[in-house]
Amino acid sequence: MLMADRGKRIPLEKRINIRGKIGRAVFAVTAVTAAVFWLSGSALAMPQQEPEEGERYGPELRITRNVGTAEDGEFQEPSDRYWDGDGKEYRLDYWEILTIPGQDVSQRLERRMVYTGVEGAEEIPESISLEEDVSGNQAEGTLFLKESRIVREEWQDGFTAPVTFHAYGADEYHGGSLVIPGDAVLETCVSMGGQLLEFMGLSPLEYRILSADWSGESYEDEEGRMCRQAMVWGQKLLRDYEAAYEGEVSWTEPETHELEMVYRQVSPVSPVSPEAAQVADQVPVPEVQGEGREGNLWYWVRSGFVITVGAGLIGISVGLLALLAVWYRQNRREHRRRCLPRIKG
């Protein structure tokens, strides 16, 4: 009896699953192989500018200098040739204009000031504001008093001050510890000038009262009391000071430009005579073992690495495909065995 299910096949979803797994595995191996070969090729150095016929390049020389713009705002290109102090010739290989942004700069300064004719009730400033040109830039800052000294002092006329007596006509007047009798007001202002100066907040060592007199007639104040004002005259001590100030000033440097140039030394190739060329033809050329990154040694090392990795990946791919084929066959046989009809005796 023929098998009733002989015409049946593997279900569609199982076939899609098997094919999908095989496709993904092959794609992964192929992608890894391609990436290895691509990376091995991208490791090459960038090609350099080839020298002219009869020349070869030597070491490079970097030169940086500040540059300014022309009237039209353009920069002047550097010369394509350069000779150093030893007469060696260099050829321009690369140049670039670098923009250096402006920076905040500070500097510590000290200034000396002279003040003349300073009287006792006055003081020299404890600080000064400074605005001046520093290296072509407008600098600003505050300097503080570091030290001062008196260079000259002299008594001069010109001191004057008002003194107001309230309750005019009283027997005596009181001002702190000072008592002035009412019948000798002006005379007492002169004779007791030191105490009157202290009552006014002035130092008797810096001021002198030499005379006093009434200034105008008596009047009533806002409280209805009779008042009268007197004026005192005298001398004041004037001093000349020399003061030193110290502090920091700051400014912003303008934007600048730098020209960076890269030159390569040019060395002429020595001409070869016919006799030397004939001898060179007879001598076998030895294999160069170390010409830098692109020499024969690097070429063989890189090629051997790529070949080894590529061969290993190919072997893995073949083994993987064989394993998948065996698994597929076993799966198919198992399916057929299950589909065979059972024969009853």
Protein backbone atom coordinates (compact mmCIF):
# COMPACT_ATOMS: atom_id res chain seq x y z
CA MET A 1 0.00 0.00 0.00
CA LEU A 2 1.35 3.40 -0.94
CA MET A 3 1.82 6.05 1.71
CA ALA A 4 -1.22 8.20 2.03
CA ASP A 5 0.87 11.32 2.86
CA ARG A 6 3.67 10.78 0.38
CA GLY A 7 2.81 13.96 -1.48
CA LYS A 8 3.09 16.09 1.63
CA ARG A 9 6.06 18.44 2.02
CA ILE A 10 7.68 20.38 4.84
CA PRO A 11 5.29 23.09 6.08
CA LEU A 12 5.79 26.55 4.59
CA GLU A 13 6.62 28.29 7.91
CA LYS A 14 9.39 25.71 8.66
CA ARG A 15 10.92 26.12 5.21
CA ILE A 16 10.94 29.90 5.60
CA ASN A 17 12.57 29.57 9.05
CA ILE A 18 15.34 27.26 7.75
CA ARG A 19 16.08 29.41 4.74
CA GLY A 20 16.08 32.54 6.90
CA LYS A 21 18.65 31.09 9.31
CA ILE A 22 20.93 30.00 6.46
CA GLY A 23 20.61 33.38 4.74
CA ARG A 24 21.44 35.31 7.90
CA ALA A 25 24.49 33.17 8.64
CA VAL A 26 25.84 33.55 5.09
CA PHE A 27 25.19 37.29 5.17
CA ALA A 28 26.99 37.71 8.53
CA VAL A 29 30.08 35.81 7.35
CA THR A 30 30.17 37.74 4.08
CA ALA A 31 29.84 41.09 5.89
CA VAL A 32 32.67 40.27 8.32
CA THR A 33 34.93 39.18 5.46
CA ALA A 34 34.23 42.35 3.50
CA ALA A 35 34.85 44.53 6.58
CA VAL A 36 38.25 42.92 7.19
CA PHE A 37 39.38 43.50 3.59
CA TRP A 38 38.06 47.09 3.67
CA LEU A 39 39.84 47.92 6.91
CA SER A 40 43.09 46.44 5.64
CA GLY A 41 42.92 48.76 2.62
CA SER A 42 41.91 51.85 4.65
CA ALA A 43 44.98 51.57 6.89
CA LEU A 44 47.14 53.06 4.15
CA ALA A 45 48.59 56.49 4.80
CA MET A 46 47.28 59.47 2.88
CA PRO A 47 49.35 60.08 -0.25
CA GLN A 48 51.75 62.96 0.07
CA GLN A 49 52.48 65.57 -2.53
CA GLU A 50 54.87 64.18 -5.08
CA PRO A 51 58.12 66.09 -5.61
CA GLU A 52 58.99 67.47 -9.00
CA GLU A 53 61.21 65.61 -11.41
CA GLY A 54 64.81 65.47 -10.19
CA GLU A 55 63.88 66.31 -6.57
CA ARG A 56 62.95 64.52 -3.38
CA TYR A 57 61.38 65.70 -0.13
CA GLY A 58 63.23 65.87 3.17
CA PRO A 59 62.08 66.89 6.69
CA GLU A 60 59.22 69.36 7.10
CA LEU A 61 59.46 72.83 8.65
CA ARG A 62 56.56 74.54 10.45
CA ILE A 63 56.47 78.33 10.71
CA THR A 64 53.84 80.39 12.57
CA ARG A 65 53.59 84.17 12.63
CA ASN A 66 51.02 86.86 13.30
CA VAL A 67 49.46 88.43 10.23
CA GLY A 68 47.22 91.38 9.57
CA THR A 69 44.60 91.95 6.90
CA ALA A 70 45.16 94.16 3.90
CA GLU A 71 42.99 97.18 3.11
CA ASP A 72 40.56 94.98 1.19
CA GLY A 73 40.28 92.56 4.14
CA GLU A 74 42.22 89.77 2.41
CA PHE A 75 45.31 87.94 3.66
CA GLN A 76 48.48 87.77 1.65
CA GLU A 77 49.42 84.24 0.74
CA PRO A 78 52.86 83.03 1.84
CA SER A 79 55.72 82.47 -0.55
CA ASP A 80 55.95 79.03 -2.11
CA ARG A 81 59.70 78.87 -1.44
CA TYR A 82 61.73 79.32 1.73
CA TRP A 83 65.48 79.24 2.40
CA ASP A 84 66.87 78.87 5.91
CA GLY A 85 70.10 80.31 7.29
CA ASP A 86 72.13 77.41 5.91
CA GLY A 87 70.82 77.96 2.39
CA LYS A 88 68.55 74.89 2.42
CA GLU A 89 65.53 75.19 0.17
CA TYR A 90 61.99 74.37 1.32
CA ARG A 91 58.79 74.21 -0.72
CA LEU A 92 55.39 75.24 0.64
CA ASP A 93 53.22 72.17 1.24
CA TYR A 94 50.33 73.60 3.29
CA TRP A 95 49.23 76.87 4.90
CA GLU A 96 46.28 77.98 7.01
CA ILE A 97 45.00 81.16 8.65
CA LEU A 98 44.12 80.61 12.34
CA THR A 99 41.81 83.04 14.15
CA ILE A 100 42.80 83.69 17.76
CA PRO A 101 39.82 85.12 19.73
CA GLY A 102 40.33 88.06 22.05
CA GLN A 103 41.10 87.26 25.67
CA ASP A 104 40.65 89.12 28.96
CA VAL A 105 44.04 90.15 30.32
CA SER A 106 44.93 91.70 33.67
CA GLN A 107 48.10 93.35 34.88
CA ARG A 108 49.23 94.62 38.27
CA LEU A 109 50.22 98.28 38.26
CA GLU A 110 51.56 100.78 40.78
CA ARG A 111 51.10 104.53 40.53
CA ARG A 112 52.45 107.39 42.64
CA MET A 113 50.35 110.50 43.18
CA VAL A 114 51.24 113.90 44.70
CA TYR A 115 48.59 115.91 46.57
CA THR A 116 49.36 119.54 47.49
CA GLY A 117 47.68 121.93 49.92
CA VAL A 118 45.77 119.30 51.90
CA GLU A 119 44.37 120.73 55.14
CA GLY A 120 43.60 118.78 58.28
CA ALA A 121 39.87 118.39 57.67
CA GLU A 122 40.63 116.73 54.33
CA GLU A 123 42.06 113.27 53.58
CA ILE A 124 43.88 111.83 50.60
CA PRO A 125 41.83 109.22 48.65
CA GLU A 126 41.98 105.61 49.82
CA SER A 127 41.60 104.40 46.21
CA ILE A 128 41.74 105.80 42.69
CA SER A 129 40.15 104.68 39.41
CA LEU A 130 42.62 104.25 36.58
CA GLU A 131 42.00 104.37 32.84
CA GLU A 132 45.05 104.38 30.64
CA ASP A 133 46.58 102.85 27.54
CA VAL A 134 48.45 99.59 28.16
CA SER A 135 50.11 97.91 25.17
CA GLY A 136 47.78 99.74 22.83
CA ASN A 137 44.62 98.72 24.74
CA GLN A 138 42.37 100.77 26.99
CA ALA A 139 42.83 99.33 30.49
CA GLU A 140 40.58 100.04 33.48
CA GLY A 141 40.86 99.20 37.15
CA THR A 142 40.97 100.40 40.75
CA LEU A 143 44.21 101.02 42.64
CA PHE A 144 44.28 101.11 46.44
CA LEU A 145 46.42 103.22 48.77
CA LYS A 146 49.56 101.32 49.71
CA GLU A 147 51.52 104.01 51.60
CA SER A 148 51.77 107.79 51.92
CA ARG A 149 54.15 110.37 53.38
CA ILE A 150 54.20 114.11 54.05
CA VAL A 151 56.74 115.90 51.89
CA ARG A 152 55.95 119.51 52.97
CA GLU A 153 53.72 121.41 55.40
CA GLU A 154 53.08 125.13 55.91
CA TRP A 155 50.75 127.45 57.89
CA GLN A 156 48.65 129.72 55.72
CA ASP A 157 45.95 132.34 56.32
CA GLY A 158 42.46 131.65 55.03
CA PHE A 159 40.75 129.74 57.79
CA THR A 160 37.26 131.01 58.57
CA ALA A 161 34.23 129.47 60.31
CA PRO A 162 30.78 130.69 61.51
CA VAL A 163 29.72 130.41 65.18
CA THR A 164 26.02 130.85 66.04
CA PHE A 165 24.98 131.90 69.55
CA HIS A 166 21.42 130.97 70.49
CA ALA A 167 19.43 132.87 73.14
CA TYR A 168 21.45 135.98 72.36
CA GLY A 169 21.79 138.29 75.34
CA ALA A 170 22.12 135.49 77.90
CA ASP A 171 24.64 135.72 80.72
CA GLU A 172 26.74 132.84 79.33
CA TYR A 173 26.78 130.25 76.55
CA HIS A 174 27.55 126.55 76.88
CA GLY A 175 29.03 124.35 74.17
CA GLY A 176 30.07 120.99 75.58
CA SER A 177 32.70 121.78 78.23
CA LEU A 178 33.14 125.26 76.80
CA VAL A 179 31.53 128.14 78.71
CA ILE A 180 31.57 131.60 77.09
CA PRO A 181 30.48 134.60 79.23
CA GLY A 182 27.79 136.78 77.64
CA ASP A 183 29.63 140.07 78.19
CA ALA A 184 32.88 138.93 76.43
CA VAL A 185 31.76 136.64 73.59
CA LEU A 186 34.24 137.66 70.89
CA GLU A 187 37.25 137.90 73.19
CA THR A 188 36.53 134.47 74.67
CA CYS A 189 36.26 132.92 71.16
CA VAL A 190 39.87 134.00 70.53
CA SER A 191 41.31 133.28 73.95
CA MET A 192 39.66 129.86 74.15
CA GLY A 193 40.13 129.11 70.43
CA GLY A 194 41.52 125.60 71.03
CA GLN A 195 38.42 124.45 72.93
CA LEU A 196 36.17 126.13 70.36
CA LEU A 197 37.96 124.26 67.53
CA GLU A 198 37.51 120.94 69.32
CA PHE A 199 33.81 121.75 69.81
CA MET A 200 33.66 122.32 66.03
CA GLY A 201 35.39 118.96 65.38
CA LEU A 202 38.72 120.44 64.27
CA SER A 203 42.22 119.83 65.65
CA PRO A 204 44.00 122.73 67.39
CA LEU A 205 47.23 121.29 65.91
CA GLU A 206 45.98 122.01 62.37
CA TYR A 207 43.95 125.22 62.85
CA ARG A 208 44.35 128.51 64.75
CA ILE A 209 41.74 131.15 65.64
CA LEU A 210 43.28 134.63 65.58
CA SER A 211 40.23 136.95 65.51
CA ALA A 212 36.43 137.00 65.80
CA ASP A 213 33.64 139.49 64.94
CA TRP A 214 29.87 139.65 64.68
CA SER A 215 28.32 138.88 61.29
CA GLY A 216 25.03 140.73 60.99
CA GLU A 217 22.42 141.62 63.61
CA SER A 218 20.42 139.38 65.90
CA TYR A 219 17.43 137.38 64.54
CA GLU A 220 14.81 134.89 65.67
CA ASP A 221 15.16 131.20 64.80
CA GLU A 222 12.27 128.81 64.00
CA GLU A 223 11.64 128.31 67.72
CA GLY A 224 11.31 132.04 68.37
CA ARG A 225 14.65 132.40 70.17
CA MET A 226 16.98 135.36 69.57
CA CYS A 227 20.20 134.33 67.81
CA ARG A 228 23.29 136.06 66.50
CA GLN A 229 26.12 134.74 64.32
CA ALA A 230 29.81 135.48 64.69
CA MET A 231 32.72 134.70 62.34
CA VAL A 232 36.17 133.53 63.43
CA TRP A 233 39.31 133.88 61.30
CA GLY A 234 42.70 132.31 61.56
CA GLN A 235 45.26 129.98 59.93
CA LYS A 236 45.28 126.40 58.72
CA LEU A 237 48.13 123.91 58.30
CA LEU A 238 48.51 122.74 54.69
CA ARG A 239 50.47 119.60 53.78
CA ASP A 240 51.79 118.08 50.58
CA TYR A 241 51.53 114.27 50.33
CA GLU A 242 53.17 111.68 48.13
CA ALA A 243 51.01 108.53 47.94
CA ALA A 244 51.61 105.10 46.34
CA TYR A 245 48.68 103.13 44.93
CA GLU A 246 48.68 99.50 43.76
CA GLY A 247 46.11 97.27 42.10
CA GLU A 248 45.08 95.41 38.95
CA VAL A 249 43.80 96.77 35.66
CA SER A 250 42.20 94.64 32.95
CA TRP A 251 41.42 94.88 29.27
CA THR A 252 40.29 92.69 26.39
CA GLU A 253 42.80 91.97 23.67
CA PRO A 254 41.43 92.22 20.12
CA GLU A 255 41.03 89.22 17.84
CA THR A 256 44.24 88.30 16.03
CA HIS A 257 45.21 86.01 13.13
CA GLU A 258 48.11 83.61 12.81
CA LEU A 259 49.52 82.18 9.63
CA GLU A 260 50.66 78.57 9.93
CA MET A 261 52.87 77.29 7.11
CA VAL A 262 54.30 73.84 6.48
CA TYR A 263 57.34 73.65 4.22
CA ARG A 264 59.15 70.53 3.05
CA GLN A 265 62.85 70.49 2.40
CA VAL A 266 63.71 69.95 -1.25
CA SER A 267 66.83 67.92 -1.96
CA PRO A 268 67.99 67.51 -5.56
CA VAL A 269 68.65 63.95 -6.74
CA SER A 270 72.33 63.50 -7.56
CA PRO A 271 72.87 62.72 -11.27
CA VAL A 272 74.25 59.24 -12.04
CA SER A 273 77.17 58.93 -14.47
CA PRO A 274 76.95 56.33 -17.31
CA GLU A 275 79.76 54.27 -15.73
CA ALA A 276 77.98 54.15 -12.37
CA ALA A 277 74.72 53.24 -14.06
CA GLN A 278 76.44 50.37 -15.92
CA VAL A 279 77.86 49.02 -12.66
CA ALA A 280 74.50 49.40 -10.95
CA ASP A 281 72.82 47.32 -13.66
CA GLN A 282 75.20 44.44 -12.94
CA VAL A 283 74.68 44.47 -9.18
CA PRO A 284 71.50 42.73 -7.97
CA VAL A 285 69.19 45.06 -6.13
CA PRO A 286 68.72 43.92 -2.53
CA GLU A 287 65.23 43.76 -1.16
CA VAL A 288 64.36 46.81 0.94
CA GLN A 289 63.30 45.77 4.42
CA GLY A 290 62.29 49.04 6.04
CA GLU A 291 61.04 51.95 3.97
CA GLY A 292 58.49 53.07 6.47
CA ARG A 293 54.85 52.17 6.64
CA GLU A 294 54.49 51.54 2.90
CA GLY A 295 57.66 49.46 2.41
CA ASN A 296 57.82 45.85 1.29
CA LEU A 297 57.97 44.55 4.85
CA TRP A 298 54.73 46.33 5.77
CA TYR A 299 53.15 45.14 2.53
CA TRP A 300 53.92 41.46 3.21
CA VAL A 301 52.89 41.71 6.87
CA ARG A 302 49.59 43.30 5.93
CA SER A 303 49.01 40.90 3.03
CA GLY A 304 49.76 37.87 5.23
CA PHE A 305 47.37 39.13 7.88
CA VAL A 306 44.57 39.70 5.37
CA ILE A 307 45.13 36.31 3.70
CA THR A 308 45.19 34.48 7.05
CA VAL A 309 42.02 36.15 8.32
CA GLY A 310 40.28 35.71 4.97
CA ALA A 311 41.19 32.02 4.78
CA GLY A 312 40.00 31.46 8.34
CA LEU A 313 36.66 33.15 7.63
CA ILE A 314 36.19 31.14 4.43
CA GLY A 315 36.89 27.91 6.36
CA ILE A 316 34.38 28.90 9.02
CA SER A 317 31.82 29.68 6.31
CA VAL A 318 32.31 26.31 4.62
CA GLY A 319 32.06 24.44 7.91
CA LEU A 320 28.92 26.34 8.85
CA LEU A 321 27.27 25.61 5.52
CA ALA A 322 28.17 21.89 5.81
CA LEU A 323 26.73 21.77 9.33
CA LEU A 324 23.51 23.40 8.14
CA ALA A 325 23.26 20.92 5.20
CA VAL A 326 23.63 17.92 7.56
CA TRP A 327 21.07 19.36 9.93
CA TYR A 328 18.67 19.95 7.05
CA ARG A 329 19.01 16.34 5.77
CA GLN A 330 18.44 14.86 9.24
CA ASN A 331 15.39 17.01 9.69
CA ARG A 332 13.99 15.87 6.35
CA ARG A 333 14.59 12.18 7.11
CA GLU A 334 12.84 12.56 10.46
CA HIS A 335 9.89 14.15 8.71
CA ARG A 336 9.66 11.30 6.17
CA ARG A 337 9.84 8.70 8.93
CA ARG A 338 6.92 10.31 10.67
CA CYS A 339 4.85 10.40 7.48
CA LEU A 340 5.26 6.58 6.71
CA PRO A 341 1.95 4.57 7.23
CA ARG A 342 1.79 2.01 9.99
CA ILE A 343 1.29 -1.65 8.74
CA LYS A 344 -0.83 -3.70 11.03
CA GLY A 345 -0.34 -7.51 11.11
